[in-house]
Amino acid sequence: MIDNTVIKKIQTLVQQGQMSQRKIAKLLGVSRGTVQAVAHGKRTLHRNPSANHWIAPSGQPQRCPKCGSCVRMPCLACQLYDILNKQEIGLA
């Protein structure tokens, strides 16, 4: 996984338009494909799981302790429900 600071640097250098994607890749030690993906918006900043953002589900399906659905944890439905509840009471 590429660090968010590298992705930000790529975005900045691409927006400046003074360097080729090949030079940006060489300068930052990433592939040209990575620079191209960032330039086209296919690669974006990673969200910090500890900041209460979405976490991608993984692993084998199991029962969610909150809602009881058979899902890959963490349960996205429960995450969405928590976010919507926080917005309703003004915490988000």
PDB file of N, CA and C in Angstrom:
ATOM      1  N   MET A   1       0.840  -1.169   0.000  1.00  0.00           N
ATOM      2  CA  MET A   1       0.000   0.000   0.000  1.00  0.00           C
ATOM      3  C   MET A   1       0.891   1.240   0.000  1.00  0.00           C
ATOM      4  N   ILE A   2       0.565   2.154  -0.860  1.00  0.00           N
ATOM      5  CA  ILE A   2       1.344   3.384  -0.969  1.00  0.00           C
ATOM      6  C   ILE A   2       0.854   4.383   0.081  1.00  0.00           C
ATOM      7  N   ASP A   3       1.776   5.036   0.723  1.00  0.00           N
ATOM      8  CA  ASP A   3       1.468   5.997   1.773  1.00  0.00           C
ATOM      9  C   ASP A   3       0.691   7.184   1.205  1.00  0.00           C
ATOM     10  N   ASN A   4      -0.209   7.747   2.001  1.00  0.00           N
ATOM     11  CA  ASN A   4      -0.997   8.896   1.575  1.00  0.00           C
ATOM     12  C   ASN A   4      -0.129  10.093   1.195  1.00  0.00           C
ATOM     13  N   THR A   5       1.018  10.260   1.854  1.00  0.00           N
ATOM     14  CA  THR A   5       1.880  11.402   1.524  1.00  0.00           C
ATOM     15  C   THR A   5       2.420  11.274   0.106  1.00  0.00           C
ATOM     16  N   VAL A   6       2.707  10.051  -0.333  1.00  0.00           N
ATOM     17  CA  VAL A   6       3.190   9.840  -1.703  1.00  0.00           C
ATOM     18  C   VAL A   6       2.075  10.142  -2.698  1.00  0.00           C
ATOM     19  N   ILE A   7       0.863   9.697  -2.391  1.00  0.00           N
ATOM     20  CA  ILE A   7      -0.268   9.969  -3.278  1.00  0.00           C
ATOM     21  C   ILE A   7      -0.500  11.470  -3.388  1.00  0.00           C
ATOM     22  N   LYS A   8      -0.400  12.199  -2.266  1.00  0.00           N
ATOM     23  CA  LYS A   8      -0.563  13.658  -2.297  1.00  0.00           C
ATOM     24  C   LYS A   8       0.513  14.315  -3.150  1.00  0.00           C
ATOM     25  N   LYS A   9       1.757  13.832  -3.028  1.00  0.00           N
ATOM     26  CA  LYS A   9       2.847  14.382  -3.833  1.00  0.00           C
ATOM     27  C   LYS A   9       2.600  14.137  -5.312  1.00  0.00           C
ATOM     28  N   ILE A  10       2.130  12.933  -5.648  1.00  0.00           N
ATOM     29  CA  ILE A  10       1.818  12.621  -7.048  1.00  0.00           C
ATOM     30  C   ILE A  10       0.743  13.570  -7.556  1.00  0.00           C
ATOM     31  N   GLN A  11      -0.323  13.735  -6.772  1.00  0.00           N
ATOM     32  CA  GLN A  11      -1.413  14.625  -7.180  1.00  0.00           C
ATOM     33  C   GLN A  11      -0.912  16.048  -7.416  1.00  0.00           C
ATOM     34  N   THR A  12      -0.064  16.525  -6.520  1.00  0.00           N
ATOM     35  CA  THR A  12       0.473  17.880  -6.644  1.00  0.00           C
ATOM     36  C   THR A  12       1.320  18.021  -7.902  1.00  0.00           C
ATOM     37  N   LEU A  13       2.218  17.068  -8.131  1.00  0.00           N
ATOM     38  CA  LEU A  13       3.105  17.140  -9.291  1.00  0.00           C
ATOM     39  C   LEU A  13       2.336  17.003 -10.604  1.00  0.00           C
ATOM     40  N   VAL A  14       1.320  16.166 -10.622  1.00  0.00           N
ATOM     41  CA  VAL A  14       0.506  16.017 -11.834  1.00  0.00           C
ATOM     42  C   VAL A  14      -0.251  17.311 -12.116  1.00  0.00           C
ATOM     43  N   GLN A  15      -0.812  17.919 -11.071  1.00  0.00           N
ATOM     44  CA  GLN A  15      -1.564  19.165 -11.245  1.00  0.00           C
ATOM     45  C   GLN A  15      -0.677  20.312 -11.716  1.00  0.00           C
ATOM     46  N   GLN A  16       0.582  20.327 -11.261  1.00  0.00           N
ATOM     47  CA  GLN A  16       1.508  21.377 -11.693  1.00  0.00           C
ATOM     48  C   GLN A  16       1.817  21.261 -13.180  1.00  0.00           C
ATOM     49  N   GLY A  17       1.814  20.030 -13.685  1.00  0.00           N
ATOM     50  CA  GLY A  17       2.003  19.804 -15.108  1.00  0.00           C
ATOM     51  C   GLY A  17       3.391  20.092 -15.643  1.00  0.00           C
ATOM     52  N   GLN A  18       4.411  20.142 -14.791  1.00  0.00           N
ATOM     53  CA  GLN A  18       5.761  20.473 -15.230  1.00  0.00           C
ATOM     54  C   GLN A  18       6.632  19.249 -15.435  1.00  0.00           C
ATOM     55  N   MET A  19       6.139  18.070 -14.997  1.00  0.00           N
ATOM     56  CA  MET A  19       6.918  16.841 -15.129  1.00  0.00           C
ATOM     57  C   MET A  19       6.071  15.774 -15.804  1.00  0.00           C
ATOM     58  N   SER A  20       6.729  14.906 -16.546  1.00  0.00           N
ATOM     59  CA  SER A  20       6.019  13.785 -17.145  1.00  0.00           C
ATOM     60  C   SER A  20       5.687  12.766 -16.050  1.00  0.00           C
ATOM     61  N   GLN A  21       4.715  11.906 -16.347  1.00  0.00           N
ATOM     62  CA  GLN A  21       4.355  10.872 -15.384  1.00  0.00           C
ATOM     63  C   GLN A  21       5.529   9.927 -15.151  1.00  0.00           C
ATOM     64  N   ARG A  22       6.311   9.703 -16.180  1.00  0.00           N
ATOM     65  CA  ARG A  22       7.491   8.837 -16.054  1.00  0.00           C
ATOM     66  C   ARG A  22       8.492   9.435 -15.057  1.00  0.00           C
ATOM     67  N   LYS A  23       8.720  10.751 -15.141  1.00  0.00           N
ATOM     68  CA  LYS A  23       9.665  11.404 -14.234  1.00  0.00           C
ATOM     69  C   LYS A  23       9.137  11.424 -12.798  1.00  0.00           C
ATOM     70  N   ILE A  24       7.830  11.644 -12.667  1.00  0.00           N
ATOM     71  CA  ILE A  24       7.216  11.633 -11.334  1.00  0.00           C
ATOM     72  C   ILE A  24       7.390  10.253 -10.697  1.00  0.00           C
ATOM     73  N   ALA A  25       7.146   9.207 -11.486  1.00  0.00           N
ATOM     74  CA  ALA A  25       7.282   7.840 -10.987  1.00  0.00           C
ATOM     75  C   ALA A  25       8.703   7.566 -10.529  1.00  0.00           C
ATOM     76  N   LYS A  26       9.664   7.978 -11.338  1.00  0.00           N
ATOM     77  CA  LYS A  26      11.072   7.751 -10.992  1.00  0.00           C
ATOM     78  C   LYS A  26      11.461   8.539  -9.739  1.00  0.00           C
ATOM     79  N   LEU A  27      11.014   9.786  -9.657  1.00  0.00           N
ATOM     80  CA  LEU A  27      11.334  10.645  -8.521  1.00  0.00           C
ATOM     81  C   LEU A  27      10.802  10.073  -7.206  1.00  0.00           C
ATOM     82  N   LEU A  28       9.585   9.551  -7.233  1.00  0.00           N
ATOM     83  CA  LEU A  28       8.939   9.087  -6.005  1.00  0.00           C
ATOM     84  C   LEU A  28       9.085   7.589  -5.769  1.00  0.00           C
ATOM     85  N   GLY A  29       9.687   6.892  -6.715  1.00  0.00           N
ATOM     86  CA  GLY A  29       9.913   5.457  -6.533  1.00  0.00           C
ATOM     87  C   GLY A  29       8.664   4.602  -6.637  1.00  0.00           C
ATOM     88  N   VAL A  30       7.747   5.008  -7.508  1.00  0.00           N
ATOM     89  CA  VAL A  30       6.534   4.225  -7.741  1.00  0.00           C
ATOM     90  C   VAL A  30       6.458   3.886  -9.229  1.00  0.00           C
ATOM     91  N   SER A  31       5.514   3.048  -9.593  1.00  0.00           N
ATOM     92  CA  SER A  31       5.377   2.668 -10.997  1.00  0.00           C
ATOM     93  C   SER A  31       4.666   3.766 -11.788  1.00  0.00           C
ATOM     94  N   ARG A  32       4.868   3.738 -13.099  1.00  0.00           N
ATOM     95  CA  ARG A  32       4.166   4.692 -13.953  1.00  0.00           C
ATOM     96  C   ARG A  32       2.666   4.445 -13.903  1.00  0.00           C
ATOM     97  N   GLY A  33       2.294   3.174 -13.743  1.00  0.00           N
ATOM     98  CA  GLY A  33       0.873   2.835 -13.632  1.00  0.00           C
ATOM     99  C   GLY A  33       0.227   3.468 -12.418  1.00  0.00           C
ATOM    100  N   THR A  34       0.970   3.535 -11.323  1.00  0.00           N
ATOM    101  CA  THR A  34       0.456   4.175 -10.110  1.00  0.00           C
ATOM    102  C   THR A  34       0.246   5.664 -10.348  1.00  0.00           C
ATOM    103  N   VAL A  35       1.216   6.305 -10.984  1.00  0.00           N
ATOM    104  CA  VAL A  35       1.090   7.734 -11.278  1.00  0.00           C
ATOM    105  C   VAL A  35      -0.099   7.974 -12.199  1.00  0.00           C
ATOM    106  N   GLN A  36      -0.258   7.127 -13.198  1.00  0.00           N
ATOM    107  CA  GLN A  36      -1.373   7.267 -14.130  1.00  0.00           C
ATOM    108  C   GLN A  36      -2.712   7.072 -13.410  1.00  0.00           C
ATOM    109  N   ALA A  37      -2.783   6.086 -12.507  1.00  0.00           N
ATOM    110  CA  ALA A  37      -4.016   5.841 -11.765  1.00  0.00           C
ATOM    111  C   ALA A  37      -4.377   7.034 -10.879  1.00  0.00           C
ATOM    112  N   VAL A  38      -3.384   7.635 -10.244  1.00  0.00           N
ATOM    113  CA  VAL A  38      -3.635   8.824  -9.418  1.00  0.00           C
ATOM    114  C   VAL A  38      -4.070   9.985 -10.305  1.00  0.00           C
ATOM    115  N   ALA A  39      -3.417  10.152 -11.443  1.00  0.00           N
ATOM    116  CA  ALA A  39      -3.735  11.255 -12.360  1.00  0.00           C
ATOM    117  C   ALA A  39      -5.163  11.151 -12.889  1.00  0.00           C
ATOM    118  N   HIS A  40      -5.648   9.924 -13.080  1.00  0.00           N
ATOM    119  CA  HIS A  40      -6.993   9.714 -13.626  1.00  0.00           C
ATOM    120  C   HIS A  40      -8.048   9.517 -12.538  1.00  0.00           C
ATOM    121  N   GLY A  41      -7.646   9.665 -11.269  1.00  0.00           N
ATOM    122  CA  GLY A  41      -8.591   9.562 -10.167  1.00  0.00           C
ATOM    123  C   GLY A  41      -8.977   8.148  -9.796  1.00  0.00           C
ATOM    124  N   LYS A  42      -8.260   7.150 -10.334  1.00  0.00           N
ATOM    125  CA  LYS A  42      -8.572   5.761 -10.010  1.00  0.00           C
ATOM    126  C   LYS A  42      -7.894   5.319  -8.721  1.00  0.00           C
ATOM    127  N   ARG A  43      -6.910   6.074  -8.287  1.00  0.00           N
ATOM    128  CA  ARG A  43      -6.183   5.790  -7.038  1.00  0.00           C
ATOM    129  C   ARG A  43      -6.289   7.034  -6.177  1.00  0.00           C
ATOM    130  N   THR A  44      -6.875   6.899  -5.003  1.00  0.00           N
ATOM    131  CA  THR A  44      -7.088   8.066  -4.147  1.00  0.00           C
ATOM    132  C   THR A  44      -6.486   7.813  -2.769  1.00  0.00           C
ATOM    133  N   LEU A  45      -6.629   8.782  -1.897  1.00  0.00           N
ATOM    134  CA  LEU A  45      -6.105   8.673  -0.543  1.00  0.00           C
ATOM    135  C   LEU A  45      -6.827   7.580   0.215  1.00  0.00           C
ATOM    136  N   HIS A  46      -6.088   6.880   1.069  1.00  0.00           N
ATOM    137  CA  HIS A  46      -6.659   5.845   1.912  1.00  0.00           C
ATOM    138  C   HIS A  46      -7.293   6.500   3.117  1.00  0.00           C
ATOM    139  N   ARG A  47      -8.399   5.950   3.551  1.00  0.00           N
ATOM    140  CA  ARG A  47      -9.056   6.474   4.743  1.00  0.00           C
ATOM    141  C   ARG A  47      -8.498   5.785   5.980  1.00  0.00           C
ATOM    142  N   ASN A  48      -8.438   6.521   7.050  1.00  0.00           N
ATOM    143  CA  ASN A  48      -7.914   6.017   8.309  1.00  0.00           C
ATOM    144  C   ASN A  48      -9.027   5.282   9.063  1.00  0.00           C
ATOM    145  N   PRO A  49      -8.908   3.955   9.237  1.00  0.00           N
ATOM    146  CA  PRO A  49      -9.963   3.209   9.923  1.00  0.00           C
ATOM    147  C   PRO A  49     -10.232   3.701  11.336  1.00  0.00           C
ATOM    148  N   SER A  50      -9.231   4.233  12.004  1.00  0.00           N
ATOM    149  CA  SER A  50      -9.438   4.707  13.371  1.00  0.00           C
ATOM    150  C   SER A  50     -10.226   6.013  13.404  1.00  0.00           C
ATOM    151  N   ALA A  51     -10.396   6.648  12.240  1.00  0.00           N
ATOM    152  CA  ALA A  51     -11.151   7.897  12.175  1.00  0.00           C
ATOM    153  C   ALA A  51     -12.634   7.638  11.900  1.00  0.00           C
ATOM    154  N   ASN A  52     -13.067   6.388  12.084  1.00  0.00           N
ATOM    155  CA  ASN A  52     -14.473   6.025  11.933  1.00  0.00           C
ATOM    156  C   ASN A  52     -14.955   6.117  10.499  1.00  0.00           C
ATOM    157  N   HIS A  53     -14.106   5.791   9.532  1.00  0.00           N
ATOM    158  CA  HIS A  53     -14.498   5.757   8.137  1.00  0.00           C
ATOM    159  C   HIS A  53     -14.800   4.322   7.750  1.00  0.00           C
ATOM    160  N   TRP A  54     -15.224   4.148   6.523  1.00  0.00           N
ATOM    161  CA  TRP A  54     -15.549   2.813   6.024  1.00  0.00           C
ATOM    162  C   TRP A  54     -14.328   1.912   6.055  1.00  0.00           C
ATOM    163  N   ILE A  55     -14.567   0.660   6.406  1.00  0.00           N
ATOM    164  CA  ILE A  55     -13.537  -0.364   6.389  1.00  0.00           C
ATOM    165  C   ILE A  55     -14.036  -1.457   5.458  1.00  0.00           C
ATOM    166  N   ALA A  56     -13.193  -1.884   4.518  1.00  0.00           N
ATOM    167  CA  ALA A  56     -13.607  -2.906   3.567  1.00  0.00           C
ATOM    168  C   ALA A  56     -13.811  -4.244   4.272  1.00  0.00           C
ATOM    169  N   PRO A  57     -14.918  -4.935   3.952  1.00  0.00           N
ATOM    170  CA  PRO A  57     -15.144  -6.242   4.561  1.00  0.00           C
ATOM    171  C   PRO A  57     -14.164  -7.280   4.040  1.00  0.00           C
ATOM    172  N   SER A  58     -13.837  -8.256   4.853  1.00  0.00           N
ATOM    173  CA  SER A  58     -12.918  -9.306   4.435  1.00  0.00           C
ATOM    174  C   SER A  58     -13.187 -10.565   5.241  1.00  0.00           C
ATOM    175  N   GLY A  59     -12.536 -11.665   4.842  1.00  0.00           N
ATOM    176  CA  GLY A  59     -12.662 -12.919   5.570  1.00  0.00           C
ATOM    177  C   GLY A  59     -13.901 -13.696   5.187  1.00  0.00           C
ATOM    178  N   GLN A  60     -14.147 -14.751   5.935  1.00  0.00           N
ATOM    179  CA  GLN A  60     -15.302 -15.613   5.695  1.00  0.00           C
ATOM    180  C   GLN A  60     -16.568 -14.963   6.253  1.00  0.00           C
ATOM    181  N   PRO A  61     -17.713 -15.198   5.600  1.00  0.00           N
ATOM    182  CA  PRO A  61     -18.970 -14.662   6.144  1.00  0.00           C
ATOM    183  C   PRO A  61     -19.248 -15.221   7.537  1.00  0.00           C
ATOM    184  N   GLN A  62     -19.769 -14.360   8.383  1.00  0.00           N
ATOM    185  CA  GLN A  62     -20.147 -14.763   9.734  1.00  0.00           C
ATOM    186  C   GLN A  62     -21.303 -13.895  10.203  1.00  0.00           C
ATOM    187  N   ARG A  63     -21.897 -14.250  11.310  1.00  0.00           N
ATOM    188  CA  ARG A  63     -23.028 -13.491  11.846  1.00  0.00           C
ATOM    189  C   ARG A  63     -22.543 -12.199  12.496  1.00  0.00           C
ATOM    190  N   CYS A  64     -23.167 -11.098  12.111  1.00  0.00           N
ATOM    191  CA  CYS A  64     -22.859  -9.802  12.727  1.00  0.00           C
ATOM    192  C   CYS A  64     -23.457  -9.795  14.122  1.00  0.00           C
ATOM    193  N   PRO A  65     -22.647  -9.443  15.139  1.00  0.00           N
ATOM    194  CA  PRO A  65     -23.171  -9.426  16.507  1.00  0.00           C
ATOM    195  C   PRO A  65     -24.229  -8.346  16.740  1.00  0.00           C
ATOM    196  N   LYS A  66     -24.248  -7.307  15.883  1.00  0.00           N
ATOM    197  CA  LYS A  66     -25.222  -6.225  16.060  1.00  0.00           C
ATOM    198  C   LYS A  66     -26.563  -6.532  15.400  1.00  0.00           C
ATOM    199  N   CYS A  67     -26.508  -6.887  14.088  1.00  0.00           N
ATOM    200  CA  CYS A  67     -27.758  -7.038  13.346  1.00  0.00           C
ATOM    201  C   CYS A  67     -28.132  -8.487  13.061  1.00  0.00           C
ATOM    202  N   GLY A  68     -27.195  -9.408  13.220  1.00  0.00           N
ATOM    203  CA  GLY A  68     -27.487 -10.814  13.016  1.00  0.00           C
ATOM    204  C   GLY A  68     -27.399 -11.289  11.580  1.00  0.00           C
ATOM    205  N   SER A  69     -27.089 -10.397  10.641  1.00  0.00           N
ATOM    206  CA  SER A  69     -26.960 -10.789   9.237  1.00  0.00           C
ATOM    207  C   SER A  69     -25.703 -11.602   9.023  1.00  0.00           C
ATOM    208  N   CYS A  70     -25.725 -12.482   8.017  1.00  0.00           N
ATOM    209  CA  CYS A  70     -24.544 -13.258   7.658  1.00  0.00           C
ATOM    210  C   CYS A  70     -23.740 -12.432   6.649  1.00  0.00           C
ATOM    211  N   VAL A  71     -22.639 -11.839   7.095  1.00  0.00           N
ATOM    212  CA  VAL A  71     -21.865 -10.903   6.271  1.00  0.00           C
ATOM    213  C   VAL A  71     -20.375 -11.132   6.472  1.00  0.00           C
ATOM    214  N   ARG A  72     -19.586 -10.528   5.598  1.00  0.00           N
ATOM    215  CA  ARG A  72     -18.140 -10.459   5.817  1.00  0.00           C
ATOM    216  C   ARG A  72     -17.920  -9.257   6.737  1.00  0.00           C
ATOM    217  N   MET A  73     -17.190  -9.472   7.803  1.00  0.00           N
ATOM    218  CA  MET A  73     -17.002  -8.419   8.804  1.00  0.00           C
ATOM    219  C   MET A  73     -15.923  -7.437   8.373  1.00  0.00           C
ATOM    220  N   PRO A  74     -16.021  -6.170   8.738  1.00  0.00           N
ATOM    221  CA  PRO A  74     -17.099  -5.570   9.516  1.00  0.00           C
ATOM    222  C   PRO A  74     -18.350  -5.377   8.666  1.00  0.00           C
ATOM    223  N   CYS A  75     -19.492  -5.377   9.306  1.00  0.00           N
ATOM    224  CA  CYS A  75     -20.790  -5.277   8.646  1.00  0.00           C
ATOM    225  C   CYS A  75     -20.983  -3.839   8.131  1.00  0.00           C
ATOM    226  N   LEU A  76     -21.050  -3.688   6.800  1.00  0.00           N
ATOM    227  CA  LEU A  76     -21.206  -2.355   6.211  1.00  0.00           C
ATOM    228  C   LEU A  76     -22.564  -1.748   6.556  1.00  0.00           C
ATOM    229  N   ALA A  77     -23.591  -2.597   6.667  1.00  0.00           N
ATOM    230  CA  ALA A  77     -24.920  -2.085   7.021  1.00  0.00           C
ATOM    231  C   ALA A  77     -24.891  -1.436   8.407  1.00  0.00           C
ATOM    232  N   CYS A  78     -24.213  -2.082   9.344  1.00  0.00           N
ATOM    233  CA  CYS A  78     -24.117  -1.520  10.701  1.00  0.00           C
ATOM    234  C   CYS A  78     -23.269  -0.253  10.709  1.00  0.00           C
ATOM    235  N   GLN A  79     -22.203  -0.210   9.899  1.00  0.00           N
ATOM    236  CA  GLN A  79     -21.386   1.002   9.812  1.00  0.00           C
ATOM    237  C   GLN A  79     -22.226   2.160   9.283  1.00  0.00           C
ATOM    238  N   LEU A  80     -23.015   1.910   8.230  1.00  0.00           N
ATOM    239  CA  LEU A  80     -23.860   2.945   7.656  1.00  0.00           C
ATOM    240  C   LEU A  80     -24.908   3.399   8.676  1.00  0.00           C
ATOM    241  N   TYR A  81     -25.510   2.448   9.361  1.00  0.00           N
ATOM    242  CA  TYR A  81     -26.499   2.773  10.384  1.00  0.00           C
ATOM    243  C   TYR A  81     -25.892   3.670  11.463  1.00  0.00           C
ATOM    244  N   ASP A  82     -24.687   3.346  11.914  1.00  0.00           N
ATOM    245  CA  ASP A  82     -24.007   4.160  12.934  1.00  0.00           C
ATOM    246  C   ASP A  82     -23.741   5.571  12.432  1.00  0.00           C
ATOM    247  N   ILE A  83     -23.286   5.687  11.178  1.00  0.00           N
ATOM    248  CA  ILE A  83     -22.993   7.005  10.599  1.00  0.00           C
ATOM    249  C   ILE A  83     -24.274   7.830  10.505  1.00  0.00           C
ATOM    250  N   LEU A  84     -25.357   7.218  10.015  1.00  0.00           N
ATOM    251  CA  LEU A  84     -26.625   7.940   9.886  1.00  0.00           C
ATOM    252  C   LEU A  84     -27.159   8.375  11.241  1.00  0.00           C
ATOM    253  N   ASN A  85     -27.012   7.537  12.255  1.00  0.00           N
ATOM    254  CA  ASN A  85     -27.446   7.907  13.604  1.00  0.00           C
ATOM    255  C   ASN A  85     -26.646   9.092  14.130  1.00  0.00           C
ATOM    256  N   LYS A  86     -25.348   9.097  13.903  1.00  0.00           N
ATOM    257  CA  LYS A  86     -24.510  10.215  14.361  1.00  0.00           C
ATOM    258  C   LYS A  86     -24.902  11.507  13.656  1.00  0.00           C
ATOM    259  N   GLN A  87     -25.247  11.419  12.357  1.00  0.00           N
ATOM    260  CA  GLN A  87     -25.664  12.608  11.623  1.00  0.00           C
ATOM    261  C   GLN A  87     -26.992  13.151  12.163  1.00  0.00           C
ATOM    262  N   GLU A  88     -27.885  12.227  12.515  1.00  0.00           N
ATOM    263  CA  GLU A  88     -29.204  12.648  13.046  1.00  0.00           C
ATOM    264  C   GLU A  88     -29.070  13.405  14.356  1.00  0.00           C
ATOM    265  N   ILE A  89     -28.144  12.970  15.200  1.00  0.00           N
ATOM    266  CA  ILE A  89     -28.020  13.639  16.500  1.00  0.00           C
ATOM    267  C   ILE A  89     -26.941  14.732  16.488  1.00  0.00           C
ATOM    268  N   GLY A  90     -26.354  14.974  15.284  1.00  0.00           N
ATOM    269  CA  GLY A  90     -25.423  16.083  15.146  1.00  0.00           C
ATOM    270  C   GLY A  90     -23.995  15.812  15.550  1.00  0.00           C
ATOM    271  N   LEU A  91     -23.585  14.560  15.611  1.00  0.00           N
ATOM    272  CA  LEU A  91     -22.204  14.247  15.991  1.00  0.00           C
ATOM    273  C   LEU A  91     -21.273  14.131  14.793  1.00  0.00           C
ATOM    274  N   ALA A  92     -21.804  13.967  13.588  1.00  0.00           N
ATOM    275  CA  ALA A  92     -20.957  13.788  12.415  1.00  0.00           C
ATOM    276  C   ALA A  92     -21.004  14.994  11.525  1.00  0.00           C
TER     277      ALA A  92
END
